[in-house]
Amino acid sequence: MSKPSAPRREADNEAKAVLRAVRISPRKLDLVAATIRGKKVATAVNELTFSKKRIAHDVKKALNSAIANAENNHNLDVDRLVVAEASRASSTSSPPRSAARRPRPRSTNSPSPRSGSPAT
């Protein structure tokens, strides 16, 4: 016995794609997302293709994934699709951080033998 499937979160005429672990500031991502929000999909893809922003390539990949989801999973017409929402996710989708290094002592109390000193 498995648990019952969760209800679908999006409406029947919506498709979604999420881009995770993007290493860029949220403000820069929001600038590119604001340029495509509310536009037809073909126009949005053209804007992302010719944008000089580095993040535009990753946003275009997510948009193409959402287009493919809409076409294949929901049988929606690609020519009528509009970018309804383009935003960054919460801070939980940020890339994983590397572990902090453990501080080590720089020296010890005991004197170190120097080269050329007489042995006692």
PDB file of N, CA and C in Angstrom:
ATOM      1  N   MET A   1       0.827  -1.164   0.000  1.00  0.00           N
ATOM      2  CA  MET A   1       0.000   0.000   0.000  1.00  0.00           C
ATOM      3  C   MET A   1       0.885   1.246   0.000  1.00  0.00           C
ATOM      4  N   SER A   2       0.670   2.083  -0.961  1.00  0.00           N
ATOM      5  CA  SER A   2       1.387   3.352  -0.999  1.00  0.00           C
ATOM      6  C   SER A   2       0.447   4.475  -0.601  1.00  0.00           C
ATOM      7  N   LYS A   3       1.025   5.594  -0.264  1.00  0.00           N
ATOM      8  CA  LYS A   3       0.161   6.701   0.123  1.00  0.00           C
ATOM      9  C   LYS A   3      -0.468   7.335  -1.109  1.00  0.00           C
ATOM     10  N   PRO A   4      -1.601   7.971  -0.954  1.00  0.00           N
ATOM     11  CA  PRO A   4      -2.278   8.556  -2.108  1.00  0.00           C
ATOM     12  C   PRO A   4      -1.458   9.707  -2.697  1.00  0.00           C
ATOM     13  N   SER A   5      -1.572   9.872  -3.993  1.00  0.00           N
ATOM     14  CA  SER A   5      -0.804  10.925  -4.651  1.00  0.00           C
ATOM     15  C   SER A   5      -1.339  12.291  -4.248  1.00  0.00           C
ATOM     16  N   ALA A   6      -0.423  13.239  -4.193  1.00  0.00           N
ATOM     17  CA  ALA A   6      -0.796  14.597  -3.807  1.00  0.00           C
ATOM     18  C   ALA A   6      -1.535  15.272  -4.960  1.00  0.00           C
ATOM     19  N   PRO A   7      -2.471  16.149  -4.650  1.00  0.00           N
ATOM     20  CA  PRO A   7      -3.173  16.847  -5.732  1.00  0.00           C
ATOM     21  C   PRO A   7      -2.221  17.789  -6.468  1.00  0.00           C
ATOM     22  N   ARG A   8      -2.515  18.019  -7.709  1.00  0.00           N
ATOM     23  CA  ARG A   8      -1.681  18.878  -8.553  1.00  0.00           C
ATOM     24  C   ARG A   8      -1.772  20.317  -8.069  1.00  0.00           C
ATOM     25  N   ARG A   9      -0.638  21.007  -7.967  1.00  0.00           N
ATOM     26  CA  ARG A   9      -0.609  22.361  -7.429  1.00  0.00           C
ATOM     27  C   ARG A   9      -0.940  23.412  -8.478  1.00  0.00           C
ATOM     28  N   GLU A  10      -0.608  23.155  -9.727  1.00  0.00           N
ATOM     29  CA  GLU A  10      -0.890  24.111 -10.791  1.00  0.00           C
ATOM     30  C   GLU A  10      -2.255  23.823 -11.402  1.00  0.00           C
ATOM     31  N   ALA A  11      -2.799  24.821 -12.075  1.00  0.00           N
ATOM     32  CA  ALA A  11      -4.060  24.622 -12.793  1.00  0.00           C
ATOM     33  C   ALA A  11      -3.800  23.782 -14.038  1.00  0.00           C
ATOM     34  N   ASP A  12      -4.869  23.367 -14.693  1.00  0.00           N
ATOM     35  CA  ASP A  12      -4.718  22.514 -15.870  1.00  0.00           C
ATOM     36  C   ASP A  12      -4.100  23.251 -17.053  1.00  0.00           C
ATOM     37  N   ASN A  13      -4.169  24.571 -17.051  1.00  0.00           N
ATOM     38  CA  ASN A  13      -3.618  25.328 -18.180  1.00  0.00           C
ATOM     39  C   ASN A  13      -2.285  25.978 -17.810  1.00  0.00           C
ATOM     40  N   GLU A  14      -1.571  25.426 -16.834  1.00  0.00           N
ATOM     41  CA  GLU A  14      -0.283  25.962 -16.410  1.00  0.00           C
ATOM     42  C   GLU A  14       0.773  24.876 -16.451  1.00  0.00           C
ATOM     43  N   ALA A  15       2.000  25.297 -16.735  1.00  0.00           N
ATOM     44  CA  ALA A  15       3.155  24.411 -16.679  1.00  0.00           C
ATOM     45  C   ALA A  15       4.240  25.117 -15.892  1.00  0.00           C
ATOM     46  N   LYS A  16       5.140  24.335 -15.300  1.00  0.00           N
ATOM     47  CA  LYS A  16       6.115  24.913 -14.400  1.00  0.00           C
ATOM     48  C   LYS A  16       7.470  24.261 -14.598  1.00  0.00           C
ATOM     49  N   ALA A  17       8.521  25.053 -14.445  1.00  0.00           N
ATOM     50  CA  ALA A  17       9.882  24.530 -14.428  1.00  0.00           C
ATOM     51  C   ALA A  17      10.658  25.316 -13.383  1.00  0.00           C
ATOM     52  N   VAL A  18      11.482  24.629 -12.610  1.00  0.00           N
ATOM     53  CA  VAL A  18      12.233  25.260 -11.533  1.00  0.00           C
ATOM     54  C   VAL A  18      13.716  25.077 -11.807  1.00  0.00           C
ATOM     55  N   LEU A  19      14.445  26.156 -11.675  1.00  0.00           N
ATOM     56  CA  LEU A  19      15.897  26.138 -11.863  1.00  0.00           C
ATOM     57  C   LEU A  19      16.538  26.203 -10.485  1.00  0.00           C
ATOM     58  N   ARG A  20      17.300  25.198 -10.128  1.00  0.00           N
ATOM     59  CA  ARG A  20      17.864  25.128  -8.781  1.00  0.00           C
ATOM     60  C   ARG A  20      19.380  25.312  -8.813  1.00  0.00           C
ATOM     61  N   ALA A  21      19.904  25.727  -7.657  1.00  0.00           N
ATOM     62  CA  ALA A  21      21.345  25.859  -7.424  1.00  0.00           C
ATOM     63  C   ALA A  21      22.016  26.749  -8.456  1.00  0.00           C
ATOM     64  N   VAL A  22      21.459  27.934  -8.650  1.00  0.00           N
ATOM     65  CA  VAL A  22      22.060  28.903  -9.556  1.00  0.00           C
ATOM     66  C   VAL A  22      22.989  29.781  -8.746  1.00  0.00           C
ATOM     67  N   ARG A  23      24.225  29.907  -9.190  1.00  0.00           N
ATOM     68  CA  ARG A  23      25.205  30.672  -8.442  1.00  0.00           C
ATOM     69  C   ARG A  23      25.247  32.112  -8.946  1.00  0.00           C
ATOM     70  N   ILE A  24      24.236  32.870  -8.588  1.00  0.00           N
ATOM     71  CA  ILE A  24      24.174  34.285  -8.939  1.00  0.00           C
ATOM     72  C   ILE A  24      23.293  34.981  -7.914  1.00  0.00           C
ATOM     73  N   SER A  25      23.478  36.277  -7.778  1.00  0.00           N
ATOM     74  CA  SER A  25      22.707  36.995  -6.766  1.00  0.00           C
ATOM     75  C   SER A  25      21.244  37.076  -7.185  1.00  0.00           C
ATOM     76  N   PRO A  26      20.332  37.083  -6.226  1.00  0.00           N
ATOM     77  CA  PRO A  26      18.905  37.147  -6.546  1.00  0.00           C
ATOM     78  C   PRO A  26      18.521  38.430  -7.275  1.00  0.00           C
ATOM     79  N   ARG A  27      19.205  39.504  -7.001  1.00  0.00           N
ATOM     80  CA  ARG A  27      18.873  40.775  -7.647  1.00  0.00           C
ATOM     81  C   ARG A  27      19.154  40.707  -9.153  1.00  0.00           C
ATOM     82  N   LYS A  28      20.262  40.087  -9.527  1.00  0.00           N
ATOM     83  CA  LYS A  28      20.585  39.960 -10.954  1.00  0.00           C
ATOM     84  C   LYS A  28      19.599  39.028 -11.650  1.00  0.00           C
ATOM     85  N   LEU A  29      19.194  37.976 -10.960  1.00  0.00           N
ATOM     86  CA  LEU A  29      18.219  37.049 -11.532  1.00  0.00           C
ATOM     87  C   LEU A  29      16.868  37.728 -11.703  1.00  0.00           C
ATOM     88  N   ASP A  30      16.479  38.552 -10.733  1.00  0.00           N
ATOM     89  CA  ASP A  30      15.197  39.252 -10.818  1.00  0.00           C
ATOM     90  C   ASP A  30      15.165  40.249 -11.967  1.00  0.00           C
ATOM     91  N   LEU A  31      16.313  40.852 -12.305  1.00  0.00           N
ATOM     92  CA  LEU A  31      16.367  41.782 -13.440  1.00  0.00           C
ATOM     93  C   LEU A  31      16.004  41.076 -14.745  1.00  0.00           C
ATOM     94  N   VAL A  32      16.555  39.888 -14.939  1.00  0.00           N
ATOM     95  CA  VAL A  32      16.268  39.141 -16.171  1.00  0.00           C
ATOM     96  C   VAL A  32      14.841  38.595 -16.142  1.00  0.00           C
ATOM     97  N   ALA A  33      14.384  38.143 -14.990  1.00  0.00           N
ATOM     98  CA  ALA A  33      13.023  37.610 -14.882  1.00  0.00           C
ATOM     99  C   ALA A  33      11.988  38.688 -15.159  1.00  0.00           C
ATOM    100  N   ALA A  34      12.272  39.911 -14.752  1.00  0.00           N
ATOM    101  CA  ALA A  34      11.319  41.005 -14.971  1.00  0.00           C
ATOM    102  C   ALA A  34      11.187  41.353 -16.451  1.00  0.00           C
ATOM    103  N   THR A  35      12.225  41.108 -17.237  1.00  0.00           N
ATOM    104  CA  THR A  35      12.159  41.450 -18.658  1.00  0.00           C
ATOM    105  C   THR A  35      11.243  40.509 -19.443  1.00  0.00           C
ATOM    106  N   ILE A  36      11.066  39.270 -18.957  1.00  0.00           N
ATOM    107  CA  ILE A  36      10.249  38.313 -19.718  1.00  0.00           C
ATOM    108  C   ILE A  36       8.861  38.111 -19.128  1.00  0.00           C
ATOM    109  N   ARG A  37       8.618  38.616 -17.924  1.00  0.00           N
ATOM    110  CA  ARG A  37       7.344  38.388 -17.250  1.00  0.00           C
ATOM    111  C   ARG A  37       6.197  39.024 -18.029  1.00  0.00           C
ATOM    112  N   GLY A  38       5.155  38.243 -18.308  1.00  0.00           N
ATOM    113  CA  GLY A  38       3.965  38.741 -18.990  1.00  0.00           C
ATOM    114  C   GLY A  38       4.054  38.739 -20.504  1.00  0.00           C
ATOM    115  N   LYS A  39       5.132  38.242 -21.091  1.00  0.00           N
ATOM    116  CA  LYS A  39       5.299  38.250 -22.544  1.00  0.00           C
ATOM    117  C   LYS A  39       4.976  36.885 -23.121  1.00  0.00           C
ATOM    118  N   LYS A  40       4.729  36.865 -24.421  1.00  0.00           N
ATOM    119  CA  LYS A  40       4.540  35.588 -25.108  1.00  0.00           C
ATOM    120  C   LYS A  40       5.850  34.815 -25.079  1.00  0.00           C
ATOM    121  N   VAL A  41       5.754  33.496 -25.139  1.00  0.00           N
ATOM    122  CA  VAL A  41       6.919  32.638 -24.985  1.00  0.00           C
ATOM    123  C   VAL A  41       7.952  32.882 -26.090  1.00  0.00           C
ATOM    124  N   ALA A  42       7.497  33.045 -27.320  1.00  0.00           N
ATOM    125  CA  ALA A  42       8.437  33.249 -28.423  1.00  0.00           C
ATOM    126  C   ALA A  42       9.229  34.540 -28.234  1.00  0.00           C
ATOM    127  N   THR A  43       8.563  35.590 -27.784  1.00  0.00           N
ATOM    128  CA  THR A  43       9.243  36.861 -27.544  1.00  0.00           C
ATOM    129  C   THR A  43      10.223  36.729 -26.386  1.00  0.00           C
ATOM    130  N   ALA A  44       9.828  36.024 -25.353  1.00  0.00           N
ATOM    131  CA  ALA A  44      10.699  35.846 -24.186  1.00  0.00           C
ATOM    132  C   ALA A  44      11.951  35.054 -24.542  1.00  0.00           C
ATOM    133  N   VAL A  45      11.808  34.018 -25.354  1.00  0.00           N
ATOM    134  CA  VAL A  45      12.971  33.228 -25.760  1.00  0.00           C
ATOM    135  C   VAL A  45      13.914  34.082 -26.600  1.00  0.00           C
ATOM    136  N   ASN A  46      13.365  34.920 -27.492  1.00  0.00           N
ATOM    137  CA  ASN A  46      14.214  35.801 -28.297  1.00  0.00           C
ATOM    138  C   ASN A  46      14.969  36.793 -27.424  1.00  0.00           C
ATOM    139  N   GLU A  47      14.302  37.367 -26.437  1.00  0.00           N
ATOM    140  CA  GLU A  47      14.971  38.320 -25.559  1.00  0.00           C
ATOM    141  C   GLU A  47      16.089  37.656 -24.768  1.00  0.00           C
ATOM    142  N   LEU A  48      15.852  36.436 -24.300  1.00  0.00           N
ATOM    143  CA  LEU A  48      16.882  35.739 -23.539  1.00  0.00           C
ATOM    144  C   LEU A  48      18.034  35.298 -24.426  1.00  0.00           C
ATOM    145  N   THR A  49      17.746  34.985 -25.689  1.00  0.00           N
ATOM    146  CA  THR A  49      18.796  34.559 -26.599  1.00  0.00           C
ATOM    147  C   THR A  49      19.789  35.685 -26.851  1.00  0.00           C
ATOM    148  N   PHE A  50      19.301  36.904 -27.006  1.00  0.00           N
ATOM    149  CA  PHE A  50      20.166  38.022 -27.366  1.00  0.00           C
ATOM    150  C   PHE A  50      20.525  38.904 -26.181  1.00  0.00           C
ATOM    151  N   SER A  51      20.217  38.470 -24.977  1.00  0.00           N
ATOM    152  CA  SER A  51      20.566  39.237 -23.794  1.00  0.00           C
ATOM    153  C   SER A  51      22.052  39.079 -23.496  1.00  0.00           C
ATOM    154  N   LYS A  52      22.663  40.130 -22.972  1.00  0.00           N
ATOM    155  CA  LYS A  52      24.081  40.081 -22.634  1.00  0.00           C
ATOM    156  C   LYS A  52      24.311  39.626 -21.198  1.00  0.00           C
ATOM    157  N   LYS A  53      23.251  39.438 -20.448  1.00  0.00           N
ATOM    158  CA  LYS A  53      23.386  39.006 -19.063  1.00  0.00           C
ATOM    159  C   LYS A  53      23.786  37.533 -19.009  1.00  0.00           C
ATOM    160  N   ARG A  54      24.669  37.192 -18.075  1.00  0.00           N
ATOM    161  CA  ARG A  54      25.166  35.820 -17.965  1.00  0.00           C
ATOM    162  C   ARG A  54      24.065  34.857 -17.523  1.00  0.00           C
ATOM    163  N   ILE A  55      23.158  35.317 -16.679  1.00  0.00           N
ATOM    164  CA  ILE A  55      22.105  34.449 -16.150  1.00  0.00           C
ATOM    165  C   ILE A  55      21.044  34.148 -17.203  1.00  0.00           C
ATOM    166  N   ALA A  56      21.006  34.911 -18.288  1.00  0.00           N
ATOM    167  CA  ALA A  56      19.967  34.733 -19.303  1.00  0.00           C
ATOM    168  C   ALA A  56      20.004  33.324 -19.902  1.00  0.00           C
ATOM    169  N   HIS A  57      21.174  32.737 -20.019  1.00  0.00           N
ATOM    170  CA  HIS A  57      21.288  31.383 -20.571  1.00  0.00           C
ATOM    171  C   HIS A  57      20.570  30.370 -19.669  1.00  0.00           C
ATOM    172  N   ASP A  58      20.762  30.485 -18.362  1.00  0.00           N
ATOM    173  CA  ASP A  58      20.114  29.556 -17.429  1.00  0.00           C
ATOM    174  C   ASP A  58      18.604  29.774 -17.374  1.00  0.00           C
ATOM    175  N   VAL A  59      18.173  31.033 -17.438  1.00  0.00           N
ATOM    176  CA  VAL A  59      16.736  31.319 -17.428  1.00  0.00           C
ATOM    177  C   VAL A  59      16.098  30.785 -18.703  1.00  0.00           C
ATOM    178  N   LYS A  60      16.816  30.873 -19.809  1.00  0.00           N
ATOM    179  CA  LYS A  60      16.300  30.345 -21.083  1.00  0.00           C
ATOM    180  C   LYS A  60      16.142  28.826 -21.016  1.00  0.00           C
ATOM    181  N   LYS A  61      17.080  28.138 -20.360  1.00  0.00           N
ATOM    182  CA  LYS A  61      16.956  26.690 -20.193  1.00  0.00           C
ATOM    183  C   LYS A  61      15.714  26.335 -19.391  1.00  0.00           C
ATOM    184  N   ALA A  62      15.446  27.095 -18.330  1.00  0.00           N
ATOM    185  CA  ALA A  62      14.258  26.828 -17.514  1.00  0.00           C
ATOM    186  C   ALA A  62      12.986  27.129 -18.302  1.00  0.00           C
ATOM    187  N   LEU A  63      13.010  28.202 -19.104  1.00  0.00           N
ATOM    188  CA  LEU A  63      11.835  28.542 -19.908  1.00  0.00           C
ATOM    189  C   LEU A  63      11.573  27.476 -20.967  1.00  0.00           C
ATOM    190  N   ASN A  64      12.625  26.980 -21.613  1.00  0.00           N
ATOM    191  CA  ASN A  64      12.448  25.915 -22.604  1.00  0.00           C
ATOM    192  C   ASN A  64      11.930  24.636 -21.947  1.00  0.00           C
ATOM    193  N   SER A  65      12.345  24.376 -20.721  1.00  0.00           N
ATOM    194  CA  SER A  65      11.842  23.209 -19.993  1.00  0.00           C
ATOM    195  C   SER A  65      10.359  23.363 -19.682  1.00  0.00           C
ATOM    196  N   ALA A  66       9.947  24.572 -19.290  1.00  0.00           N
ATOM    197  CA  ALA A  66       8.532  24.811 -19.017  1.00  0.00           C
ATOM    198  C   ALA A  66       7.699  24.688 -20.288  1.00  0.00           C
ATOM    199  N   ILE A  67       8.248  25.134 -21.414  1.00  0.00           N
ATOM    200  CA  ILE A  67       7.556  24.998 -22.700  1.00  0.00           C
ATOM    201  C   ILE A  67       7.366  23.525 -23.039  1.00  0.00           C
ATOM    202  N   ALA A  68       8.429  22.732 -22.849  1.00  0.00           N
ATOM    203  CA  ALA A  68       8.341  21.294 -23.130  1.00  0.00           C
ATOM    204  C   ALA A  68       7.353  20.610 -22.195  1.00  0.00           C
ATOM    205  N   ASN A  69       7.316  21.025 -20.933  1.00  0.00           N
ATOM    206  CA  ASN A  69       6.357  20.460 -19.987  1.00  0.00           C
ATOM    207  C   ASN A  69       4.923  20.769 -20.419  1.00  0.00           C
ATOM    208  N   ALA A  70       4.704  21.999 -20.856  1.00  0.00           N
ATOM    209  CA  ALA A  70       3.358  22.396 -21.271  1.00  0.00           C
ATOM    210  C   ALA A  70       2.909  21.622 -22.504  1.00  0.00           C
ATOM    211  N   GLU A  71       3.830  21.409 -23.418  1.00  0.00           N
ATOM    212  CA  GLU A  71       3.482  20.738 -24.674  1.00  0.00           C
ATOM    213  C   GLU A  71       3.294  19.237 -24.477  1.00  0.00           C
ATOM    214  N   ASN A  72       4.200  18.601 -23.750  1.00  0.00           N
ATOM    215  CA  ASN A  72       4.181  17.143 -23.649  1.00  0.00           C
ATOM    216  C   ASN A  72       3.292  16.621 -22.516  1.00  0.00           C
ATOM    217  N   ASN A  73       3.300  17.298 -21.380  1.00  0.00           N
ATOM    218  CA  ASN A  73       2.567  16.784 -20.224  1.00  0.00           C
ATOM    219  C   ASN A  73       1.132  17.281 -20.146  1.00  0.00           C
ATOM    220  N   HIS A  74       0.868  18.475 -20.696  1.00  0.00           N
ATOM    221  CA  HIS A  74      -0.448  19.077 -20.527  1.00  0.00           C
ATOM    222  C   HIS A  74      -1.171  19.351 -21.851  1.00  0.00           C
ATOM    223  N   ASN A  75      -0.551  18.995 -22.959  1.00  0.00           N
ATOM    224  CA  ASN A  75      -1.137  19.157 -24.294  1.00  0.00           C
ATOM    225  C   ASN A  75      -1.598  20.592 -24.556  1.00  0.00           C
ATOM    226  N   LEU A  76      -0.776  21.558 -24.187  1.00  0.00           N
ATOM    227  CA  LEU A  76      -1.098  22.963 -24.412  1.00  0.00           C
ATOM    228  C   LEU A  76      -0.484  23.432 -25.723  1.00  0.00           C
ATOM    229  N   ASP A  77      -1.111  24.411 -26.355  1.00  0.00           N
ATOM    230  CA  ASP A  77      -0.618  24.969 -27.605  1.00  0.00           C
ATOM    231  C   ASP A  77       0.541  25.910 -27.304  1.00  0.00           C
ATOM    232  N   VAL A  78       1.707  25.645 -27.905  1.00  0.00           N
ATOM    233  CA  VAL A  78       2.909  26.426 -27.629  1.00  0.00           C
ATOM    234  C   VAL A  78       2.758  27.864 -28.112  1.00  0.00           C
ATOM    235  N   ASP A  79       2.042  28.075 -29.189  1.00  0.00           N
ATOM    236  CA  ASP A  79       1.902  29.421 -29.751  1.00  0.00           C
ATOM    237  C   ASP A  79       1.060  30.337 -28.862  1.00  0.00           C
ATOM    238  N   ARG A  80       0.281  29.787 -27.969  1.00  0.00           N
ATOM    239  CA  ARG A  80      -0.589  30.602 -27.119  1.00  0.00           C
ATOM    240  C   ARG A  80      -0.054  30.758 -25.702  1.00  0.00           C
ATOM    241  N   LEU A  81       1.142  30.233 -25.425  1.00  0.00           N
ATOM    242  CA  LEU A  81       1.695  30.285 -24.074  1.00  0.00           C
ATOM    243  C   LEU A  81       2.216  31.680 -23.739  1.00  0.00           C
ATOM    244  N   VAL A  82       2.031  32.074 -22.491  1.00  0.00           N
ATOM    245  CA  VAL A  82       2.497  33.359 -21.983  1.00  0.00           C
ATOM    246  C   VAL A  82       3.249  33.097 -20.681  1.00  0.00           C
ATOM    247  N   VAL A  83       4.335  33.838 -20.452  1.00  0.00           N
ATOM    248  CA  VAL A  83       5.084  33.721 -19.196  1.00  0.00           C
ATOM    249  C   VAL A  83       4.274  34.439 -18.122  1.00  0.00           C
ATOM    250  N   ALA A  84       3.588  33.686 -17.293  1.00  0.00           N
ATOM    251  CA  ALA A  84       2.741  34.285 -16.268  1.00  0.00           C
ATOM    252  C   ALA A  84       3.558  34.697 -15.058  1.00  0.00           C
ATOM    253  N   GLU A  85       4.526  33.881 -14.697  1.00  0.00           N
ATOM    254  CA  GLU A  85       5.316  34.164 -13.511  1.00  0.00           C
ATOM    255  C   GLU A  85       6.760  33.782 -13.772  1.00  0.00           C
ATOM    256  N   ALA A  86       7.656  34.666 -13.442  1.00  0.00           N
ATOM    257  CA  ALA A  86       9.089  34.395 -13.512  1.00  0.00           C
ATOM    258  C   ALA A  86       9.710  35.053 -12.302  1.00  0.00           C
ATOM    259  N   SER A  87      10.143  34.242 -11.360  1.00  0.00           N
ATOM    260  CA  SER A  87      10.703  34.796 -10.137  1.00  0.00           C
ATOM    261  C   SER A  87      11.697  33.810  -9.560  1.00  0.00           C
ATOM    262  N   ARG A  88      12.464  34.298  -8.622  1.00  0.00           N
ATOM    263  CA  ARG A  88      13.414  33.421  -7.963  1.00  0.00           C
ATOM    264  C   ARG A  88      12.692  32.683  -6.846  1.00  0.00           C
ATOM    265  N   ALA A  89      13.171  31.501  -6.551  1.00  0.00           N
ATOM    266  CA  ALA A  89      12.567  30.709  -5.487  1.00  0.00           C
ATOM    267  C   ALA A  89      13.098  31.191  -4.144  1.00  0.00           C
ATOM    268  N   SER A  90      12.727  30.536  -3.098  1.00  0.00           N
ATOM    269  CA  SER A  90      13.173  30.927  -1.765  1.00  0.00           C
ATOM    270  C   SER A  90      14.658  30.643  -1.601  1.00  0.00           C
ATOM    271  N   SER A  91      15.195  31.028  -0.481  1.00  0.00           N
ATOM    272  CA  SER A  91      16.621  30.851  -0.237  1.00  0.00           C
ATOM    273  C   SER A  91      16.998  29.384  -0.071  1.00  0.00           C
ATOM    274  N   THR A  92      16.031  28.505   0.047  1.00  0.00           N
ATOM    275  CA  THR A  92      16.348  27.087   0.203  1.00  0.00           C
ATOM    276  C   THR A  92      16.849  26.486  -1.095  1.00  0.00           C
ATOM    277  N   SER A  93      16.624  27.160  -2.216  1.00  0.00           N
ATOM    278  CA  SER A  93      17.091  26.617  -3.482  1.00  0.00           C
ATOM    279  C   SER A  93      18.462  27.153  -3.849  1.00  0.00           C
ATOM    280  N   SER A  94      19.135  27.809  -2.913  1.00  0.00           N
ATOM    281  CA  SER A  94      20.464  28.331  -3.185  1.00  0.00           C
ATOM    282  C   SER A  94      21.448  27.172  -3.252  1.00  0.00           C
ATOM    283  N   PRO A  95      22.605  27.390  -3.878  1.00  0.00           N
ATOM    284  CA  PRO A  95      23.562  26.295  -4.001  1.00  0.00           C
ATOM    285  C   PRO A  95      24.134  25.896  -2.649  1.00  0.00           C
ATOM    286  N   PRO A  96      24.559  24.662  -2.525  1.00  0.00           N
ATOM    287  CA  PRO A  96      25.121  24.230  -1.244  1.00  0.00           C
ATOM    288  C   PRO A  96      26.431  24.951  -0.963  1.00  0.00           C
ATOM    289  N   ARG A  97      26.646  25.291   0.288  1.00  0.00           N
ATOM    290  CA  ARG A  97      27.873  25.990   0.659  1.00  0.00           C
ATOM    291  C   ARG A  97      28.931  24.969   1.073  1.00  0.00           C
ATOM    292  N   SER A  98      30.178  25.327   0.841  1.00  0.00           N
ATOM    293  CA  SER A  98      31.241  24.429   1.256  1.00  0.00           C
ATOM    294  C   SER A  98      31.403  24.500   2.773  1.00  0.00           C
ATOM    295  N   ALA A  99      31.907  23.452   3.358  1.00  0.00           N
ATOM    296  CA  ALA A  99      32.077  23.395   4.798  1.00  0.00           C
ATOM    297  C   ALA A  99      33.187  24.344   5.215  1.00  0.00           C
ATOM    298  N   ALA A 100      33.023  24.999   6.334  1.00  0.00           N
ATOM    299  CA  ALA A 100      34.044  25.917   6.828  1.00  0.00           C
ATOM    300  C   ALA A 100      35.254  25.125   7.304  1.00  0.00           C
ATOM    301  N   ARG A 101      36.425  25.698   7.093  1.00  0.00           N
ATOM    302  CA  ARG A 101      37.648  25.026   7.538  1.00  0.00           C
ATOM    303  C   ARG A 101      37.790  25.156   9.045  1.00  0.00           C
ATOM    304  N   ARG A 102      38.284  24.131   9.653  1.00  0.00           N
ATOM    305  CA  ARG A 102      38.500  24.161  11.095  1.00  0.00           C
ATOM    306  C   ARG A 102      39.799  24.901  11.381  1.00  0.00           C
ATOM    307  N   PRO A 103      39.769  25.876  12.297  1.00  0.00           N
ATOM    308  CA  PRO A 103      40.997  26.615  12.576  1.00  0.00           C
ATOM    309  C   PRO A 103      42.028  25.725  13.271  1.00  0.00           C
ATOM    310  N   ARG A 104      43.269  25.862  12.872  1.00  0.00           N
ATOM    311  CA  ARG A 104      44.364  25.081  13.435  1.00  0.00           C
ATOM    312  C   ARG A 104      45.324  26.039  14.140  1.00  0.00           C
ATOM    313  N   PRO A 105      45.993  25.589  15.159  1.00  0.00           N
ATOM    314  CA  PRO A 105      46.958  26.462  15.824  1.00  0.00           C
ATOM    315  C   PRO A 105      48.136  26.767  14.904  1.00  0.00           C
ATOM    316  N   ARG A 106      48.626  27.998  14.996  1.00  0.00           N
ATOM    317  CA  ARG A 106      49.751  28.395  14.141  1.00  0.00           C
ATOM    318  C   ARG A 106      51.092  27.978  14.737  1.00  0.00           C
ATOM    319  N   SER A 107      51.168  27.940  16.026  1.00  0.00           N
ATOM    320  CA  SER A 107      52.431  27.525  16.642  1.00  0.00           C
ATOM    321  C   SER A 107      52.124  26.810  17.951  1.00  0.00           C
ATOM    322  N   THR A 108      53.146  26.233  18.518  1.00  0.00           N
ATOM    323  CA  THR A 108      52.997  25.557  19.804  1.00  0.00           C
ATOM    324  C   THR A 108      53.875  26.251  20.833  1.00  0.00           C
ATOM    325  N   ASN A 109      53.778  25.848  22.090  1.00  0.00           N
ATOM    326  CA  ASN A 109      54.574  26.449  23.149  1.00  0.00           C
ATOM    327  C   ASN A 109      56.019  25.974  23.131  1.00  0.00           C
ATOM    328  N   SER A 110      56.250  24.806  22.631  1.00  0.00           N
ATOM    329  CA  SER A 110      57.606  24.274  22.652  1.00  0.00           C
ATOM    330  C   SER A 110      58.446  24.939  21.563  1.00  0.00           C
ATOM    331  N   PRO A 111      59.710  25.235  21.875  1.00  0.00           N
ATOM    332  CA  PRO A 111      60.563  25.864  20.861  1.00  0.00           C
ATOM    333  C   PRO A 111      60.892  24.874  19.752  1.00  0.00           C
ATOM    334  N   SER A 112      61.025  25.360  18.572  1.00  0.00           N
ATOM    335  CA  SER A 112      61.335  24.492  17.448  1.00  0.00           C
ATOM    336  C   SER A 112      62.839  24.469  17.244  1.00  0.00           C
ATOM    337  N   PRO A 113      63.403  23.332  16.885  1.00  0.00           N
ATOM    338  CA  PRO A 113      64.843  23.294  16.652  1.00  0.00           C
ATOM    339  C   PRO A 113      65.191  24.094  15.390  1.00  0.00           C
ATOM    340  N   ARG A 114      66.200  24.930  15.538  1.00  0.00           N
ATOM    341  CA  ARG A 114      66.614  25.745  14.400  1.00  0.00           C
ATOM    342  C   ARG A 114      67.805  25.086  13.738  1.00  0.00           C
ATOM    343  N   SER A 115      67.916  25.317  12.472  1.00  0.00           N
ATOM    344  CA  SER A 115      69.056  24.744  11.771  1.00  0.00           C
ATOM    345  C   SER A 115      70.316  25.513  12.174  1.00  0.00           C
ATOM    346  N   GLY A 116      71.386  24.842  12.391  1.00  0.00           N
ATOM    347  CA  GLY A 116      72.634  25.478  12.733  1.00  0.00           C
ATOM    348  C   GLY A 116      72.811  25.717  14.210  1.00  0.00           C
ATOM    349  N   SER A 117      71.817  25.437  15.035  1.00  0.00           N
ATOM    350  CA  SER A 117      71.971  25.648  16.476  1.00  0.00           C
ATOM    351  C   SER A 117      72.624  24.417  17.086  1.00  0.00           C
ATOM    352  N   PRO A 118      73.439  24.606  18.101  1.00  0.00           N
ATOM    353  CA  PRO A 118      74.094  23.438  18.713  1.00  0.00           C
ATOM    354  C   PRO A 118      73.085  22.566  19.452  1.00  0.00           C
ATOM    355  N   ALA A 119      73.271  21.294  19.335  1.00  0.00           N
ATOM    356  CA  ALA A 119      72.383  20.368  20.028  1.00  0.00           C
ATOM    357  C   ALA A 119      72.771  20.294  21.480  1.00  0.00           C
ATOM    358  N   THR A 120      71.830  20.344  22.375  1.00  0.00           N
ATOM    359  CA  THR A 120      72.158  20.282  23.792  1.00  0.00           C
ATOM    360  C   THR A 120      71.665  19.034  24.426  1.00  0.00           C
TER     361      THR A 120
END
